[in-house]
């Protein structure tokens, strides 16, 4: 791919066989494109974050500075000075009115992202702070530190609310679930822990003796978490079933960061091997490898709408990319159906009796970079419906209301029927995908048999 920059390169991955997408050709996917690089930091870029409108991009660096870049104009970036040591993490508040940063100077700072760069300091950690993240309502912050603790802060009052202790080594990352009821954390003690923010207790723990996780985050529906491993792997865990769902071995060095696409259908990974990789979670395979950074890629993040993503590297560069490949919408599969796709939200982890910590010794089927990547197990149907749920909600609510008025059906009965219809639609989508997977398997089996017969014939002729 020629994107105008001679040092960028893109590789497609996993397109050897027929497409698995219902109603779409894999080759029709648009390639991600480099929009532009940003240069201004003097050391490695440790974090990238978009504001709510994707009009601004904040970056953190080992050079001790934060920078905010305006994406629509060529004006100079704002540089924020305050931390006295390397800045390790950055994130915008959901409304874009605040910026949070973490630093090796043991502090968390809250900034007003304007030209004046005013900030307030949150002190409480006794070691380097590795990550900082807002809750999705913007009311709270969670920070993770080398002091082995996780701390939750009030944004409004700018004070420490409580701390969580159970990790036995440095805590690399901590993130809120979309509903704010849970926190996921990862540590160099090789565990990923799930915390209940109401009871302030650890309710589950995933252990992996293969290596520790550098980064962890929830998917948009809050049902799964992804971890970026120092042992070159990316793992997806179902926190409702306490099960390892997917295990990707596509990098040749440690994975430093991951970011879910807002649809929940894609995951982008950043690695010390110098590449970004894009995974299709519905198909369970690698679809793109992006080259551009000169050295390790330390951070990556999608914009809120998913139309862009940004990456930061040890080369002090920030690269801004246009996504393109997310243009396909699974709702198109159901365009010939009158019924809509809608299901209730999945049950929350805290509504299920908590299970005790356990090891995951079994080895699930995995995706590897240099082998066929279609051997991953099938995901639950609830994941498939996530991307189309929001788009259908408004129109369907008015349709149900009109139908209830005309037929005299009670709202409760109408809701029950609507729920059943939604589940049937999800089943239809699931069956459609399964049928295509079965067809693909049959075609491959037929091809293998034909090749075997040809080889036998050739062998007999040679004899």
Protein backbone atom coordinates (compact mmCIF):
# COMPACT_ATOMS: atom_id res chain seq x y z
CA UNK A 1 0.00 0.00 0.00
CA UNK A 2 1.31 3.40 -0.95
CA UNK A 3 -0.04 5.88 1.54
CA UNK A 4 2.28 8.72 0.65
CA UNK A 5 4.86 7.76 3.27
CA UNK A 6 7.59 5.46 2.02
CA UNK A 7 8.25 3.96 5.45
CA UNK A 8 4.70 2.71 6.07
CA UNK A 9 3.58 -0.70 5.00
CA UNK A 10 0.38 -2.70 5.31
CA UNK A 11 -0.10 -6.44 5.09
CA UNK A 12 -3.37 -8.26 4.81
CA UNK A 13 -3.70 -11.40 6.85
CA UNK A 14 -6.12 -14.31 6.91
CA UNK A 15 -7.74 -13.87 3.49
CA UNK A 16 -6.60 -17.20 2.04
CA UNK A 17 -10.03 -18.87 2.06
CA UNK A 18 -13.55 -17.88 1.04
CA UNK A 19 -15.13 -15.11 3.10
CA UNK A 20 -16.95 -15.92 6.32
CA UNK A 21 -18.83 -12.65 6.53
CA UNK A 22 -22.52 -13.00 5.71
CA UNK A 23 -23.35 -11.00 2.61
CA UNK A 24 -19.88 -9.50 2.26
CA UNK A 25 -16.64 -10.32 0.50
CA UNK A 26 -13.57 -10.10 2.70
CA UNK A 27 -11.63 -8.63 -0.20
CA UNK A 28 -14.12 -5.75 -0.31
CA UNK A 29 -12.91 -4.47 3.05
CA UNK A 30 -11.29 -1.09 2.76
CA UNK A 31 -7.68 -0.93 3.89
CA UNK A 32 -6.73 1.26 6.85
CA UNK A 33 -4.81 4.32 5.67
CA UNK A 34 -2.23 6.50 7.37
CA UNK A 35 -3.64 10.04 7.53
CA UNK A 36 -0.57 11.79 8.90
CA UNK A 37 2.23 11.57 11.46
CA UNK A 38 2.58 13.98 14.38
CA UNK A 39 6.06 14.93 15.57
CA UNK A 40 6.69 16.99 18.66
CA UNK A 41 7.65 14.67 21.49
CA UNK A 42 11.33 14.16 22.24
CA UNK A 43 11.01 10.65 23.68
CA UNK A 44 8.81 7.58 23.47
CA UNK A 45 5.04 8.16 23.27
CA UNK A 46 3.43 6.14 26.07
CA UNK A 47 -0.25 6.98 25.59
CA UNK A 48 -2.75 8.25 23.02
CA UNK A 49 -6.37 9.30 23.57
CA UNK A 50 -9.07 10.97 21.45
CA UNK A 51 -11.56 13.48 22.80
CA UNK A 52 -15.29 12.84 22.47
CA UNK A 53 -15.67 14.45 19.01
CA UNK A 54 -12.43 12.93 17.67
CA UNK A 55 -11.35 16.48 16.86
CA UNK A 56 -8.44 16.39 19.31
CA UNK A 57 -5.80 13.86 20.24
CA UNK A 58 -3.88 13.82 23.53
CA UNK A 59 -0.51 12.09 23.87
CA UNK A 60 1.81 11.37 26.80
CA UNK A 61 5.54 10.76 26.65
CA UNK A 62 8.67 9.84 28.55
CA UNK A 63 9.79 13.43 27.82
CA UNK A 64 7.54 14.47 30.79
CA UNK A 65 5.09 16.38 28.58
CA UNK A 66 1.51 16.00 27.46
CA UNK A 67 0.50 17.27 24.04
CA UNK A 68 -2.95 17.93 22.57
CA UNK A 69 -3.16 17.98 18.78
CA UNK A 70 -5.96 19.52 16.73
CA UNK A 71 -6.78 17.03 13.99
CA UNK A 72 -8.81 19.21 11.63
CA UNK A 73 -6.35 22.04 11.36
CA UNK A 74 -2.61 22.39 10.93
CA UNK A 75 -2.23 24.59 14.01
CA UNK A 76 0.49 23.84 16.54
CA UNK A 77 -0.17 21.44 19.38
CA UNK A 78 -0.63 22.50 23.00
CA UNK A 79 2.17 21.28 25.26
CA UNK A 80 1.29 20.75 28.92
CA UNK A 81 4.11 20.96 31.46
CA UNK A 82 3.70 19.87 35.07
CA UNK A 83 4.95 16.36 35.69
CA UNK A 84 8.56 16.18 36.81
CA UNK A 85 9.15 12.66 35.50
CA UNK A 86 7.97 10.55 32.57
CA UNK A 87 4.24 10.58 31.79
CA UNK A 88 2.97 7.01 31.42
CA UNK A 89 -0.74 7.35 30.56
CA UNK A 90 -3.33 9.85 29.35
CA UNK A 91 -7.09 9.89 28.84
CA UNK A 92 -9.84 12.40 28.08
CA UNK A 93 -12.95 12.48 30.21
CA UNK A 94 -16.06 11.25 28.36
CA UNK A 95 -17.27 14.82 27.76
CA UNK A 96 -13.81 15.99 26.68
CA UNK A 97 -13.69 18.73 29.31
CA UNK A 98 -10.87 17.20 31.35
CA UNK A 99 -7.66 15.34 30.71
CA UNK A 100 -6.10 12.89 33.18
CA UNK A 101 -2.46 11.82 33.21
CA UNK A 102 -0.30 9.43 35.24
CA UNK A 103 3.41 9.76 35.84
CA UNK A 104 6.49 8.15 37.27
CA UNK A 105 6.57 11.11 39.67
CA UNK A 106 3.91 9.18 41.69
CA UNK A 107 1.09 11.59 40.89
CA UNK A 108 -2.08 11.76 38.85
CA UNK A 109 -2.95 15.11 37.30
CA UNK A 110 -6.25 16.53 36.05
CA UNK A 111 -5.91 19.11 33.29
CA UNK A 112 -8.23 21.55 31.56
CA UNK A 113 -7.28 20.93 27.90
CA UNK A 114 -7.02 24.57 26.83
CA UNK A 115 -4.17 26.89 25.93
CA UNK A 116 -3.54 27.76 29.60
CA UNK A 117 -3.03 24.11 30.61
CA UNK A 118 -4.21 24.45 34.22
CA UNK A 119 -3.93 21.29 36.30
CA UNK A 120 -4.52 19.89 39.77
CA UNK A 121 -2.46 17.15 41.41
CA UNK A 122 -3.81 13.98 43.01
CA UNK A 123 -1.32 12.50 45.48
CA UNK A 124 -1.60 9.16 47.21
CA UNK A 125 0.54 6.62 45.43
CA UNK A 126 3.97 5.75 46.80
CA UNK A 127 5.34 4.40 43.52
CA UNK A 128 5.26 5.22 39.83
CA UNK A 129 1.72 5.46 38.46
CA UNK A 130 1.39 3.25 35.38
CA UNK A 131 -2.14 4.02 34.14
CA UNK A 132 -5.12 6.29 34.68
CA UNK A 133 -8.66 5.94 33.34
CA UNK A 134 -12.04 7.66 33.71
CA UNK A 135 -15.28 5.87 34.50
CA UNK A 136 -17.74 6.10 31.62
CA UNK A 137 -19.87 8.69 33.45
CA UNK A 138 -16.76 10.79 34.09
CA UNK A 139 -17.31 10.91 37.87
CA UNK A 140 -14.40 8.72 38.91
CA UNK A 141 -10.79 7.95 38.07
CA UNK A 142 -8.91 4.70 38.58
CA UNK A 143 -5.12 4.58 38.73
CA UNK A 144 -2.66 1.67 38.88
CA UNK A 145 0.80 1.89 40.40
CA UNK A 146 4.10 0.22 41.14
CA UNK A 147 3.13 0.46 44.81
CA UNK A 148 0.95 -2.66 44.07
CA UNK A 149 -2.28 -0.72 44.63
CA UNK A 150 -5.25 0.47 42.61
CA UNK A 151 -6.79 3.76 43.69
CA UNK A 152 -10.21 5.21 42.89
CA UNK A 153 -10.60 8.99 42.94
CA UNK A 154 -13.52 11.42 42.90
CA UNK A 155 -13.16 13.73 39.91
CA UNK A 156 -15.51 16.37 41.29
CA UNK A 157 -13.90 16.56 44.74
CA UNK A 158 -10.44 15.62 43.50
CA UNK A 159 -9.74 13.31 46.41
CA UNK A 160 -8.99 9.66 47.04
CA UNK A 161 -12.06 7.52 47.72
CA UNK A 162 -10.54 4.08 48.39
CA UNK A 163 -7.71 1.74 47.44
CA UNK A 164 -7.68 -1.90 46.34
CA UNK A 165 -4.92 -4.23 47.52
CA UNK A 166 -4.37 -7.84 46.47
CA UNK A 167 -1.80 -7.73 43.74
CA UNK A 168 1.63 -8.87 44.90
CA UNK A 169 3.67 -7.04 42.26
CA UNK A 170 3.53 -3.83 40.22
CA UNK A 171 0.08 -3.09 38.78
CA UNK A 172 0.42 -2.24 35.11
CA UNK A 173 -3.11 -1.15 34.21
CA UNK A 174 -6.64 -0.73 35.60
CA UNK A 175 -9.88 0.04 33.74
CA UNK A 176 -13.55 0.59 34.62
CA UNK A 177 -16.24 -1.54 33.02
CA UNK A 178 -18.73 0.38 30.83
CA UNK A 179 -21.32 0.46 33.64
CA UNK A 180 -18.77 1.37 36.31
CA UNK A 181 -19.61 -1.59 38.54
CA UNK A 182 -16.37 -3.46 37.86
CA UNK A 183 -12.67 -2.73 37.53
CA UNK A 184 -10.23 -4.95 35.65
CA UNK A 185 -6.55 -4.80 36.56
CA UNK A 186 -3.38 -6.58 35.49
CA UNK A 187 -0.10 -6.94 37.32
CA UNK A 188 3.39 -8.33 37.00
CA UNK A 189 2.26 -10.98 39.49
CA UNK A 190 0.84 -12.64 36.31
CA UNK A 191 -2.78 -12.16 37.33
CA UNK A 192 -5.73 -10.29 35.86
CA UNK A 193 -8.24 -9.42 38.57
CA UNK A 194 -11.88 -8.32 38.46
CA UNK A 195 -13.05 -6.03 41.28
CA UNK A 196 -16.49 -5.09 42.54
CA UNK A 197 -16.46 -1.31 43.04
CA UNK A 198 -19.44 -1.37 45.43
CA UNK A 199 -18.06 -3.97 47.83
CA UNK A 200 -14.43 -3.04 47.15
CA UNK A 201 -13.49 -6.71 46.80
CA UNK A 202 -11.81 -8.91 44.23
CA UNK A 203 -14.46 -11.24 42.81
CA UNK A 204 -12.37 -13.12 40.26
CA UNK A 205 -8.80 -13.68 39.20
CA UNK A 206 -7.28 -15.11 36.02
CA UNK A 207 -3.77 -16.50 36.33
CA UNK A 208 -1.33 -17.12 33.50
CA UNK A 209 2.09 -18.57 34.17
CA UNK A 210 3.17 -17.82 30.60
CA UNK A 211 3.78 -14.15 31.38
CA UNK A 212 2.20 -11.02 32.81
CA UNK A 213 -0.20 -8.64 31.10
CA UNK A 214 0.89 -5.12 30.18
CA UNK A 215 -2.61 -3.83 29.49
CA UNK A 216 -6.23 -4.83 30.05
CA UNK A 217 -9.58 -3.39 28.97
CA UNK A 218 -13.29 -4.24 28.73
CA UNK A 219 -15.10 -4.71 25.44
CA UNK A 220 -17.88 -2.16 24.77
CA UNK A 221 -20.63 -4.45 26.13
CA UNK A 222 -18.68 -5.16 29.33
CA UNK A 223 -18.96 -8.93 28.98
CA UNK A 224 -15.34 -9.65 28.03
CA UNK A 225 -11.87 -8.33 28.78
CA UNK A 226 -8.80 -8.36 26.58
CA UNK A 227 -5.27 -8.61 27.95
CA UNK A 228 -2.01 -7.72 26.20
CA UNK A 229 0.70 -10.14 27.22
CA UNK A 230 4.43 -9.78 27.72
CA UNK A 231 4.62 -13.32 26.30
CA UNK A 232 3.55 -12.05 22.83
CA UNK A 233 -0.11 -13.09 23.24
CA UNK A 234 -3.51 -11.42 23.27
CA UNK A 235 -6.25 -13.13 25.26
CA UNK A 236 -9.99 -12.51 25.51
CA UNK A 237 -11.78 -13.68 28.65
CA UNK A 238 -15.53 -14.04 29.15
CA UNK A 239 -16.04 -12.66 32.66
CA UNK A 240 -19.57 -14.08 32.93
CA UNK A 241 -18.52 -17.66 32.25
CA UNK A 242 -14.98 -17.29 33.64
CA UNK A 243 -13.65 -18.72 30.41
CA UNK A 244 -10.79 -17.99 28.05
CA UNK A 245 -12.54 -17.30 24.73
CA UNK A 246 -9.77 -16.42 22.31
CA UNK A 247 -6.01 -16.70 22.34
CA UNK A 248 -4.02 -14.93 19.63
CA UNK A 249 -0.33 -15.56 18.92
CA UNK A 250 0.25 -13.06 16.14
CA UNK A 251 3.11 -10.93 17.49
CA UNK A 252 6.80 -11.74 17.74
CA UNK A 253 7.41 -9.65 20.86
CA UNK A 254 5.48 -8.40 23.87
CA UNK A 255 2.09 -6.75 23.32
CA UNK A 256 1.94 -3.34 25.01
CA UNK A 257 -1.59 -2.11 24.38
CA UNK A 258 -4.94 -3.07 22.86
CA UNK A 259 -8.05 -1.11 21.89
CA UNK A 260 -11.55 -2.35 21.08
CA UNK A 261 -13.43 -0.89 18.14
CA UNK A 262 -16.70 0.68 19.44
CA UNK A 263 -18.68 -2.07 17.67
CA UNK A 264 -16.81 -4.68 19.69
CA UNK A 265 -16.09 -6.57 16.47
CA UNK A 266 -12.44 -5.60 16.08
CA UNK A 267 -9.39 -5.33 18.30
CA UNK A 268 -6.19 -3.48 17.45
CA UNK A 269 -2.93 -4.40 19.15
CA UNK A 270 0.41 -2.61 19.56
CA UNK A 271 3.63 -4.53 20.06
CA UNK A 272 7.32 -4.23 20.75
CA UNK A 273 7.88 -6.01 17.42
CA UNK A 274 7.13 -2.65 15.74
CA UNK A 275 3.73 -3.54 14.31
CA UNK A 276 0.05 -2.87 14.83
CA UNK A 277 -2.27 -5.79 14.16
CA UNK A 278 -6.02 -5.71 13.59
CA UNK A 279 -8.03 -8.73 14.70
CA UNK A 280 -11.55 -9.58 13.55
CA UNK A 281 -13.10 -10.97 16.72
CA UNK A 282 -16.23 -12.32 15.03
CA UNK A 283 -14.19 -14.40 12.62
CA UNK A 284 -11.40 -14.98 15.11
CA UNK A 285 -8.50 -14.08 12.87
CA UNK A 286 -5.84 -11.55 11.97
CA UNK A 287 -6.88 -9.30 9.09
CA UNK A 288 -4.19 -6.57 8.92
CA UNK A 289 -0.63 -5.92 9.98
CA UNK A 290 0.44 -2.26 9.92
CA UNK A 291 4.04 -1.06 9.73
CA UNK A 292 5.09 2.53 10.23
CA UNK A 293 6.81 2.99 13.56
CA UNK A 294 10.57 2.61 13.80
CA UNK A 295 10.79 0.46 16.89
CA UNK A 296 8.31 -0.69 19.54
CA UNK A 297 4.70 0.52 19.38
CA UNK A 298 3.68 1.41 22.93
CA UNK A 299 0.12 2.68 22.67
CA UNK A 300 -2.94 2.59 20.43
CA UNK A 301 -6.53 3.82 20.68
CA UNK A 302 -9.66 4.03 18.54
CA UNK A 303 -11.68 7.23 18.42
CA UNK A 304 -15.11 7.13 20.05
CA UNK A 305 -16.87 6.51 16.73
CA UNK A 306 -14.21 4.12 15.49
CA UNK A 307 -13.55 6.00 12.26
CA UNK A 308 -9.94 6.76 13.27
CA UNK A 309 -7.24 5.28 15.45
CA UNK A 310 -3.88 6.57 16.65
CA UNK A 311 -0.66 4.90 17.68
CA UNK A 312 2.36 6.05 19.62
CA UNK A 313 5.83 4.54 19.55
CA UNK A 314 9.29 4.50 21.01
CA UNK A 315 10.34 6.51 17.94
CA UNK A 316 8.58 9.55 19.52
CA UNK A 317 6.08 9.61 16.67
CA UNK A 318 2.28 9.63 16.77
CA UNK A 319 0.58 8.15 13.71
CA UNK A 320 -3.05 8.95 12.88
CA UNK A 321 -4.90 6.34 10.80
CA UNK A 322 -8.26 6.14 9.06
CA UNK A 323 -10.00 2.88 9.94
CA UNK A 324 -11.98 2.09 6.73
CA UNK A 325 -12.25 -1.66 7.41
CA UNK A 326 -15.18 -1.20 9.84
CA UNK A 327 -17.63 -0.03 7.14
CA UNK A 328 -19.51 -3.34 7.03
CA UNK A 329 -22.50 -3.52 9.39
CA UNK A 330 -23.90 -6.86 10.47
CA UNK A 331 -27.39 -5.36 10.43
CA UNK A 332 -27.26 -5.67 6.64
CA UNK A 333 -27.62 -9.41 7.10
CA UNK A 334 -31.14 -8.85 8.39
CA UNK A 335 -32.26 -6.19 5.90
CA UNK A 336 -34.66 -8.63 4.24
CA UNK A 337 -36.30 -9.45 7.57
CA UNK A 338 -39.19 -7.40 8.87
CA UNK A 339 -38.33 -8.11 12.48
CA UNK A 340 -35.60 -6.12 14.13
CA UNK A 341 -32.47 -7.33 15.89
CA UNK A 342 -32.72 -6.53 19.58
CA UNK A 343 -31.97 -8.47 22.72
CA UNK A 344 -31.80 -7.52 26.36
CA UNK A 345 -28.43 -6.63 27.81
CA UNK A 346 -26.50 -9.72 28.85
CA UNK A 347 -26.62 -10.65 32.54
CA UNK A 348 -24.08 -8.76 34.60
CA UNK A 349 -21.24 -10.60 36.26
CA UNK A 350 -22.40 -9.50 39.71
CA UNK A 351 -25.84 -11.03 39.06
CA UNK A 352 -24.14 -14.43 38.87
CA UNK A 353 -22.69 -16.09 41.94
CA UNK A 354 -18.97 -15.21 41.99
CA UNK A 355 -16.65 -18.09 41.28
CA UNK A 356 -13.37 -18.65 43.08
CA UNK A 357 -10.04 -17.80 41.45
CA UNK A 358 -8.77 -20.54 39.20
CA UNK A 359 -6.05 -21.41 36.73
CA UNK A 360 -6.60 -21.75 33.02
CA UNK A 361 -4.34 -24.67 32.24
CA UNK A 362 -6.25 -25.81 29.21
CA UNK A 363 -5.01 -24.59 25.84
CA UNK A 364 -7.84 -23.30 23.64
CA UNK A 365 -7.55 -23.16 19.91
CA UNK A 366 -5.46 -20.17 18.95
CA UNK A 367 -4.71 -17.89 16.05
CA UNK A 368 -1.11 -17.66 14.92
CA UNK A 369 0.49 -15.28 12.45
CA UNK A 370 2.16 -17.84 10.20
CA UNK A 371 -0.49 -20.58 10.12
CA UNK A 372 -4.15 -20.87 9.13
CA UNK A 373 -6.24 -18.78 11.46
CA UNK A 374 -9.76 -20.08 11.12
CA UNK A 375 -9.52 -22.71 13.87
CA UNK A 376 -10.90 -20.59 16.67
CA UNK A 377 -14.02 -21.56 18.52
CA UNK A 378 -17.30 -19.80 17.81
CA UNK A 379 -18.34 -16.90 20.00
CA UNK A 380 -21.73 -16.46 21.75
CA UNK A 381 -24.57 -14.99 19.71
CA UNK A 382 -24.85 -12.08 22.13
CA UNK A 383 -21.56 -10.71 20.79
CA UNK A 384 -22.88 -10.79 17.24
CA UNK A 385 -25.86 -8.63 18.01
CA UNK A 386 -23.97 -5.87 19.79
CA UNK A 387 -23.15 -3.75 16.73
CA UNK A 388 -26.71 -3.54 15.40
CA UNK A 389 -28.52 -3.13 18.70
CA UNK A 390 -28.14 0.62 19.14
CA UNK A 391 -29.08 1.56 15.58
CA UNK A 392 -32.42 -0.21 15.75
CA UNK A 393 -33.51 0.94 19.18
CA UNK A 394 -35.14 4.31 18.41
CA UNK A 395 -37.14 3.25 15.38
CA UNK A 396 -38.35 0.04 16.94
CA UNK A 397 -39.59 1.73 20.10
CA UNK A 398 -41.96 3.95 18.09
CA UNK A 399 -43.11 0.99 16.00
CA UNK A 400 -43.99 -1.00 19.11
CA UNK A 401 -45.85 1.95 20.56
CA UNK A 402 -47.99 2.35 17.43
CA UNK A 403 -48.68 -1.35 17.28
CA UNK A 404 -49.81 -1.44 20.90
CA UNK A 405 -52.20 1.45 20.29
CA UNK A 406 -53.81 -0.17 17.27
CA UNK A 407 -54.17 -3.72 18.57
CA UNK A 408 -54.78 -3.03 22.24
CA UNK A 409 -51.89 -5.23 23.36
CA UNK A 410 -50.64 -4.34 26.81
CA UNK A 411 -47.14 -2.85 26.96
CA UNK A 412 -45.81 -5.75 29.05
CA UNK A 413 -47.06 -8.33 26.54
CA UNK A 414 -45.75 -6.25 23.67
CA UNK A 415 -42.33 -6.07 25.30
CA UNK A 416 -42.32 -9.83 25.86
CA UNK A 417 -43.23 -10.49 22.22
CA UNK A 418 -40.66 -7.98 21.10
CA UNK A 419 -38.01 -9.76 23.18
CA UNK A 420 -38.90 -13.11 21.62
CA UNK A 421 -38.81 -11.66 18.11
CA UNK A 422 -35.41 -10.11 18.82
CA UNK A 423 -34.03 -13.43 20.01
CA UNK A 424 -35.34 -15.15 16.88
CA UNK A 425 -33.56 -12.57 14.75
CA UNK A 426 -30.31 -13.17 16.60
CA UNK A 427 -30.76 -16.91 16.05
CA UNK A 428 -31.36 -16.24 12.36
CA UNK A 429 -28.11 -14.29 12.16
CA UNK A 430 -26.25 -16.97 14.08
CA UNK A 431 -27.58 -19.78 11.86
CA UNK A 432 -26.69 -17.80 8.75
CA UNK A 433 -23.09 -17.46 9.89
CA UNK A 434 -22.91 -21.09 10.96
CA UNK A 435 -24.25 -22.19 7.57
CA UNK A 436 -21.55 -20.22 5.80
CA UNK A 437 -18.89 -21.71 8.07
CA UNK A 438 -20.25 -25.21 7.35
CA UNK A 439 -20.19 -24.51 3.62
CA UNK A 440 -16.62 -23.31 3.89
CA UNK A 441 -15.62 -26.46 5.78
CA UNK A 442 -17.34 -28.69 3.23
CA UNK A 443 -15.60 -26.91 0.36
CA UNK A 444 -12.21 -27.29 2.00
CA UNK A 445 -12.86 -30.98 2.74
CA UNK A 446 -13.90 -31.57 -0.85
CA UNK A 447 -10.78 -29.83 -2.09
CA UNK A 448 -8.59 -31.94 0.21
CA UNK A 449 -10.21 -35.16 -1.05
CA UNK A 450 -9.73 -34.12 -4.67
CA UNK A 451 -6.07 -33.30 -4.04
CA UNK A 452 -5.61 -36.64 -2.30
CA UNK A 453 -7.09 -38.50 -5.27
CA UNK A 454 -4.83 -36.62 -7.67
CA UNK A 455 -1.79 -37.49 -5.58
CA UNK A 456 -2.80 -41.18 -5.51
CA UNK A 457 -3.27 -41.20 -9.29
CA UNK A 458 0.09 -39.55 -9.83
CA UNK A 459 1.74 -42.06 -7.54
CA UNK A 460 0.25 -44.99 -9.44
CA UNK A 461 1.27 -43.53 -12.79
CA UNK A 462 4.85 -43.10 -11.59
CA UNK A 463 4.94 -46.73 -10.45
